Amino acid sequence: MLSNIGVPGLILILVLALIIFGPKKLPELGRAVGQSLKEFKTSTKGLIEDEKETIEEIVKSTDEIK
């Protein structure tokens, strides 16, 4: 989805964000977005690790049954 934007699209988005939010709010907005992405990545890693553990337990239990 984002790979289709290109450099002119990114510049347009930045200019629009600058106009809408202003130069004072833009750093705060960027920080908030960055923190949200970091939390999202952390939580998805946790979910993936939980699923891997569950799958390993299932495999172990099926090996014990054999």
PDB file of N, CA and C in Angstrom:
ATOM      1  N   MET A   1       0.836  -1.189   0.000  1.00  0.00           N
ATOM      2  CA  MET A   1       0.000   0.000   0.000  1.00  0.00           C
ATOM      3  C   MET A   1       0.879   1.250   0.000  1.00  0.00           C
ATOM      4  N   LEU A   2       1.831   1.333   0.913  1.00  0.00           N
ATOM      5  CA  LEU A   2       2.679   2.510   0.987  1.00  0.00           C
ATOM      6  C   LEU A   2       3.744   2.530  -0.104  1.00  0.00           C
ATOM      7  N   SER A   3       4.010   1.389  -0.723  1.00  0.00           N
ATOM      8  CA  SER A   3       5.042   1.354  -1.753  1.00  0.00           C
ATOM      9  C   SER A   3       4.602   2.088  -3.016  1.00  0.00           C
ATOM     10  N   ASN A   4       3.327   2.336  -3.174  1.00  0.00           N
ATOM     11  CA  ASN A   4       2.812   3.031  -4.358  1.00  0.00           C
ATOM     12  C   ASN A   4       2.812   4.545  -4.214  1.00  0.00           C
ATOM     13  N   ILE A   5       3.164   5.065  -3.052  1.00  0.00           N
ATOM     14  CA  ILE A   5       3.069   6.508  -2.817  1.00  0.00           C
ATOM     15  C   ILE A   5       4.166   7.256  -3.550  1.00  0.00           C
ATOM     16  N   GLY A   6       5.409   6.907  -3.346  1.00  0.00           N
ATOM     17  CA  GLY A   6       6.522   7.591  -3.992  1.00  0.00           C
ATOM     18  C   GLY A   6       6.908   8.872  -3.272  1.00  0.00           C
ATOM     19  N   VAL A   7       7.984   9.483  -3.755  1.00  0.00           N
ATOM     20  CA  VAL A   7       8.516  10.691  -3.128  1.00  0.00           C
ATOM     21  C   VAL A   7       7.554  11.878  -3.253  1.00  0.00           C
ATOM     22  N   PRO A   8       6.980  12.148  -4.425  1.00  0.00           N
ATOM     23  CA  PRO A   8       6.051  13.293  -4.503  1.00  0.00           C
ATOM     24  C   PRO A   8       4.843  13.141  -3.575  1.00  0.00           C
ATOM     25  N   GLY A   9       4.359  11.911  -3.434  1.00  0.00           N
ATOM     26  CA  GLY A   9       3.235  11.671  -2.534  1.00  0.00           C
ATOM     27  C   GLY A   9       3.597  11.926  -1.092  1.00  0.00           C
ATOM     28  N   LEU A  10       4.803  11.503  -0.702  1.00  0.00           N
ATOM     29  CA  LEU A  10       5.251  11.744   0.670  1.00  0.00           C
ATOM     30  C   LEU A  10       5.417  13.229   0.955  1.00  0.00           C
ATOM     31  N   ILE A  11       5.959  13.952  -0.016  1.00  0.00           N
ATOM     32  CA  ILE A  11       6.112  15.402   0.147  1.00  0.00           C
ATOM     33  C   ILE A  11       4.745  16.065   0.299  1.00  0.00           C
ATOM     34  N   LEU A  12       3.786  15.636  -0.508  1.00  0.00           N
ATOM     35  CA  LEU A  12       2.427  16.185  -0.420  1.00  0.00           C
ATOM     36  C   LEU A  12       1.814  15.901   0.945  1.00  0.00           C
ATOM     37  N   ILE A  13       1.995  14.684   1.446  1.00  0.00           N
ATOM     38  CA  ILE A  13       1.459  14.326   2.763  1.00  0.00           C
ATOM     39  C   ILE A  13       2.097  15.177   3.853  1.00  0.00           C
ATOM     40  N   LEU A  14       3.413  15.365   3.786  1.00  0.00           N
ATOM     41  CA  LEU A  14       4.096  16.189   4.781  1.00  0.00           C
ATOM     42  C   LEU A  14       3.635  17.644   4.739  1.00  0.00           C
ATOM     43  N   VAL A  15       3.446  18.177   3.547  1.00  0.00           N
ATOM     44  CA  VAL A  15       2.975  19.566   3.417  1.00  0.00           C
ATOM     45  C   VAL A  15       1.570  19.699   3.978  1.00  0.00           C
ATOM     46  N   LEU A  16       0.698  18.743   3.666  1.00  0.00           N
ATOM     47  CA  LEU A  16      -0.667  18.781   4.203  1.00  0.00           C
ATOM     48  C   LEU A  16      -0.664  18.663   5.731  1.00  0.00           C
ATOM     49  N   ALA A  17       0.172  17.777   6.268  1.00  0.00           N
ATOM     50  CA  ALA A  17       0.253  17.637   7.726  1.00  0.00           C
ATOM     51  C   ALA A  17       0.758  18.923   8.356  1.00  0.00           C
ATOM     52  N   LEU A  18       1.723  19.563   7.706  1.00  0.00           N
ATOM     53  CA  LEU A  18       2.256  20.820   8.219  1.00  0.00           C
ATOM     54  C   LEU A  18       1.183  21.905   8.216  1.00  0.00           C
ATOM     55  N   ILE A  19       0.372  21.944   7.171  1.00  0.00           N
ATOM     56  CA  ILE A  19      -0.698  22.942   7.081  1.00  0.00           C
ATOM     57  C   ILE A  19      -1.788  22.660   8.118  1.00  0.00           C
ATOM     58  N   ILE A  20      -2.169  21.393   8.249  1.00  0.00           N
ATOM     59  CA  ILE A  20      -3.277  21.039   9.141  1.00  0.00           C
ATOM     60  C   ILE A  20      -2.878  21.180  10.611  1.00  0.00           C
ATOM     61  N   PHE A  21      -1.728  20.628  10.982  1.00  0.00           N
ATOM     62  CA  PHE A  21      -1.357  20.575  12.393  1.00  0.00           C
ATOM     63  C   PHE A  21      -0.445  21.716  12.825  1.00  0.00           C
ATOM     64  N   GLY A  22       0.244  22.329  11.907  1.00  0.00           N
ATOM     65  CA  GLY A  22       1.142  23.424  12.246  1.00  0.00           C
ATOM     66  C   GLY A  22       2.512  22.915  12.667  1.00  0.00           C
ATOM     67  N   PRO A  23       3.496  23.781  12.604  1.00  0.00           N
ATOM     68  CA  PRO A  23       4.871  23.347  12.906  1.00  0.00           C
ATOM     69  C   PRO A  23       5.102  23.001  14.370  1.00  0.00           C
ATOM     70  N   LYS A  24       4.284  23.534  15.279  1.00  0.00           N
ATOM     71  CA  LYS A  24       4.491  23.251  16.700  1.00  0.00           C
ATOM     72  C   LYS A  24       3.942  21.881  17.100  1.00  0.00           C
ATOM     73  N   LYS A  25       2.844  21.467  16.494  1.00  0.00           N
ATOM     74  CA  LYS A  25       2.211  20.203  16.851  1.00  0.00           C
ATOM     75  C   LYS A  25       2.801  19.016  16.091  1.00  0.00           C
ATOM     76  N   LEU A  26       3.470  19.268  14.977  1.00  0.00           N
ATOM     77  CA  LEU A  26       3.965  18.187  14.139  1.00  0.00           C
ATOM     78  C   LEU A  26       4.964  17.278  14.865  1.00  0.00           C
ATOM     79  N   PRO A  27       5.937  17.781  15.614  1.00  0.00           N
ATOM     80  CA  PRO A  27       6.839  16.876  16.345  1.00  0.00           C
ATOM     81  C   PRO A  27       6.116  16.016  17.392  1.00  0.00           C
ATOM     82  N   GLU A  28       5.141  16.610  18.066  1.00  0.00           N
ATOM     83  CA  GLU A  28       4.362  15.855  19.046  1.00  0.00           C
ATOM     84  C   GLU A  28       3.592  14.733  18.366  1.00  0.00           C
ATOM     85  N   LEU A  29       3.013  15.039  17.233  1.00  0.00           N
ATOM     86  CA  LEU A  29       2.258  14.048  16.477  1.00  0.00           C
ATOM     87  C   LEU A  29       3.177  12.918  16.004  1.00  0.00           C
ATOM     88  N   GLY A  30       4.351  13.273  15.528  1.00  0.00           N
ATOM     89  CA  GLY A  30       5.318  12.260  15.083  1.00  0.00           C
ATOM     90  C   GLY A  30       5.750  11.357  16.229  1.00  0.00           C
ATOM     91  N   ARG A  31       5.985  11.938  17.391  1.00  0.00           N
ATOM     92  CA  ARG A  31       6.363  11.145  18.562  1.00  0.00           C
ATOM     93  C   ARG A  31       5.238  10.187  18.956  1.00  0.00           C
ATOM     94  N   ALA A  32       4.027  10.682  18.941  1.00  0.00           N
ATOM     95  CA  ALA A  32       2.888   9.845  19.316  1.00  0.00           C
ATOM     96  C   ALA A  32       2.722   8.678  18.342  1.00  0.00           C
ATOM     97  N   VAL A  33       2.874   8.954  17.064  1.00  0.00           N
ATOM     98  CA  VAL A  33       2.764   7.891  16.062  1.00  0.00           C
ATOM     99  C   VAL A  33       3.891   6.880  16.253  1.00  0.00           C
ATOM    100  N   GLY A  34       5.092   7.355  16.501  1.00  0.00           N
ATOM    101  CA  GLY A  34       6.227   6.466  16.718  1.00  0.00           C
ATOM    102  C   GLY A  34       6.041   5.569  17.930  1.00  0.00           C
ATOM    103  N   GLN A  35       5.561   6.139  19.021  1.00  0.00           N
ATOM    104  CA  GLN A  35       5.313   5.347  20.225  1.00  0.00           C
ATOM    105  C   GLN A  35       4.218   4.322  19.991  1.00  0.00           C
ATOM    106  N   SER A  36       3.186   4.699  19.258  1.00  0.00           N
ATOM    107  CA  SER A  36       2.101   3.766  18.959  1.00  0.00           C
ATOM    108  C   SER A  36       2.604   2.600  18.119  1.00  0.00           C
ATOM    109  N   LEU A  37       3.429   2.884  17.119  1.00  0.00           N
ATOM    110  CA  LEU A  37       3.984   1.820  16.288  1.00  0.00           C
ATOM    111  C   LEU A  37       4.884   0.892  17.103  1.00  0.00           C
ATOM    112  N   LYS A  38       5.661   1.472  18.013  1.00  0.00           N
ATOM    113  CA  LYS A  38       6.544   0.666  18.858  1.00  0.00           C
ATOM    114  C   LYS A  38       5.725  -0.276  19.740  1.00  0.00           C
ATOM    115  N   GLU A  39       4.669   0.237  20.356  1.00  0.00           N
ATOM    116  CA  GLU A  39       3.805  -0.592  21.194  1.00  0.00           C
ATOM    117  C   GLU A  39       3.124  -1.680  20.372  1.00  0.00           C
ATOM    118  N   PHE A  40       2.699  -1.346  19.160  1.00  0.00           N
ATOM    119  CA  PHE A  40       2.050  -2.325  18.295  1.00  0.00           C
ATOM    120  C   PHE A  40       3.017  -3.449  17.943  1.00  0.00           C
ATOM    121  N   LYS A  41       4.254  -3.097  17.584  1.00  0.00           N
ATOM    122  CA  LYS A  41       5.250  -4.108  17.252  1.00  0.00           C
ATOM    123  C   LYS A  41       5.542  -5.005  18.451  1.00  0.00           C
ATOM    124  N   THR A  42       5.663  -4.413  19.627  1.00  0.00           N
ATOM    125  CA  THR A  42       5.941  -5.182  20.835  1.00  0.00           C
ATOM    126  C   THR A  42       4.806  -6.159  21.122  1.00  0.00           C
ATOM    127  N   SER A  43       3.590  -5.700  21.010  1.00  0.00           N
ATOM    128  CA  SER A  43       2.455  -6.577  21.306  1.00  0.00           C
ATOM    129  C   SER A  43       2.313  -7.682  20.264  1.00  0.00           C
ATOM    130  N   THR A  44       2.588  -7.392  18.999  1.00  0.00           N
ATOM    131  CA  THR A  44       2.497  -8.442  17.982  1.00  0.00           C
ATOM    132  C   THR A  44       3.602  -9.476  18.171  1.00  0.00           C
ATOM    133  N   LYS A  45       4.796  -9.033  18.592  1.00  0.00           N
ATOM    134  CA  LYS A  45       5.861  -9.996  18.879  1.00  0.00           C
ATOM    135  C   LYS A  45       5.446 -10.916  20.020  1.00  0.00           C
ATOM    136  N   GLY A  46       4.819 -10.345  21.030  1.00  0.00           N
ATOM    137  CA  GLY A  46       4.346 -11.149  22.157  1.00  0.00           C
ATOM    138  C   GLY A  46       3.310 -12.164  21.728  1.00  0.00           C
ATOM    139  N   LEU A  47       2.391 -11.757  20.867  1.00  0.00           N
ATOM    140  CA  LEU A  47       1.367 -12.681  20.373  1.00  0.00           C
ATOM    141  C   LEU A  47       1.989 -13.801  19.559  1.00  0.00           C
ATOM    142  N   ILE A  48       2.956 -13.457  18.722  1.00  0.00           N
ATOM    143  CA  ILE A  48       3.608 -14.471  17.890  1.00  0.00           C
ATOM    144  C   ILE A  48       4.349 -15.474  18.766  1.00  0.00           C
ATOM    145  N   GLU A  49       5.047 -14.978  19.791  1.00  0.00           N
ATOM    146  CA  GLU A  49       5.758 -15.882  20.697  1.00  0.00           C
ATOM    147  C   GLU A  49       4.792 -16.799  21.440  1.00  0.00           C
ATOM    148  N   ASP A  50       3.648 -16.278  21.859  1.00  0.00           N
ATOM    149  CA  ASP A  50       2.641 -17.100  22.535  1.00  0.00           C
ATOM    150  C   ASP A  50       2.130 -18.197  21.609  1.00  0.00           C
ATOM    151  N   GLU A  51       1.883 -17.842  20.360  1.00  0.00           N
ATOM    152  CA  GLU A  51       1.401 -18.834  19.398  1.00  0.00           C
ATOM    153  C   GLU A  51       2.457 -19.901  19.122  1.00  0.00           C
ATOM    154  N   LYS A  52       3.727 -19.500  19.048  1.00  0.00           N
ATOM    155  CA  LYS A  52       4.796 -20.477  18.842  1.00  0.00           C
ATOM    156  C   LYS A  52       4.862 -21.452  20.006  1.00  0.00           C
ATOM    157  N   GLU A  53       4.730 -20.939  21.232  1.00  0.00           N
ATOM    158  CA  GLU A  53       4.749 -21.802  22.408  1.00  0.00           C
ATOM    159  C   GLU A  53       3.570 -22.771  22.386  1.00  0.00           C
ATOM    160  N   THR A  54       2.412 -22.297  21.988  1.00  0.00           N
ATOM    161  CA  THR A  54       1.233 -23.147  21.918  1.00  0.00           C
ATOM    162  C   THR A  54       1.443 -24.254  20.891  1.00  0.00           C
ATOM    163  N   ILE A  55       1.982 -23.907  19.748  1.00  0.00           N
ATOM    164  CA  ILE A  55       2.230 -24.901  18.702  1.00  0.00           C
ATOM    165  C   ILE A  55       3.253 -25.933  19.172  1.00  0.00           C
ATOM    166  N   GLU A  56       4.305 -25.472  19.858  1.00  0.00           N
ATOM    167  CA  GLU A  56       5.313 -26.407  20.382  1.00  0.00           C
ATOM    168  C   GLU A  56       4.696 -27.371  21.393  1.00  0.00           C
ATOM    169  N   GLU A  57       3.800 -26.873  22.238  1.00  0.00           N
ATOM    170  CA  GLU A  57       3.130 -27.744  23.204  1.00  0.00           C
ATOM    171  C   GLU A  57       2.264 -28.779  22.500  1.00  0.00           C
ATOM    172  N   ILE A  58       1.585 -28.366  21.451  1.00  0.00           N
ATOM    173  CA  ILE A  58       0.741 -29.293  20.697  1.00  0.00           C
ATOM    174  C   ILE A  58       1.602 -30.367  20.041  1.00  0.00           C
ATOM    175  N   VAL A  59       2.716 -29.958  19.469  1.00  0.00           N
ATOM    176  CA  VAL A  59       3.614 -30.921  18.825  1.00  0.00           C
ATOM    177  C   VAL A  59       4.161 -31.904  19.852  1.00  0.00           C
ATOM    178  N   LYS A  60       4.552 -31.407  21.020  1.00  0.00           N
ATOM    179  CA  LYS A  60       5.059 -32.296  22.070  1.00  0.00           C
ATOM    180  C   LYS A  60       3.993 -33.292  22.514  1.00  0.00           C
ATOM    181  N   SER A  61       2.763 -32.828  22.674  1.00  0.00           N
ATOM    182  CA  SER A  61       1.704 -33.718  23.133  1.00  0.00           C
ATOM    183  C   SER A  61       1.367 -34.768  22.070  1.00  0.00           C
ATOM    184  N   THR A  62       1.428 -34.391  20.801  1.00  0.00           N
ATOM    185  CA  THR A  62       1.170 -35.383  19.747  1.00  0.00           C
ATOM    186  C   THR A  62       2.321 -36.380  19.646  1.00  0.00           C
ATOM    187  N   ASP A  63       3.551 -35.953  19.928  1.00  0.00           N
ATOM    188  CA  ASP A  63       4.693 -36.866  19.924  1.00  0.00           C
ATOM    189  C   ASP A  63       4.561 -37.867  21.079  1.00  0.00           C
ATOM    190  N   GLU A  64       4.058 -37.411  22.214  1.00  0.00           N
ATOM    191  CA  GLU A  64       3.872 -38.298  23.360  1.00  0.00           C
ATOM    192  C   GLU A  64       2.783 -39.333  23.079  1.00  0.00           C
ATOM    193  N   ILE A  65       1.782 -38.965  22.320  1.00  0.00           N
ATOM    194  CA  ILE A  65       0.688 -39.883  22.003  1.00  0.00           C
ATOM    195  C   ILE A  65       1.192 -40.998  21.081  1.00  0.00           C
ATOM    196  N   LYS A  66       2.082 -40.655  20.167  1.00  0.00           N
ATOM    197  CA  LYS A  66       2.623 -41.652  19.233  1.00  0.00           C
ATOM    198  C   LYS A  66       3.426 -42.630  20.018  1.00  0.00           C
TER     199      LYS A  66
END
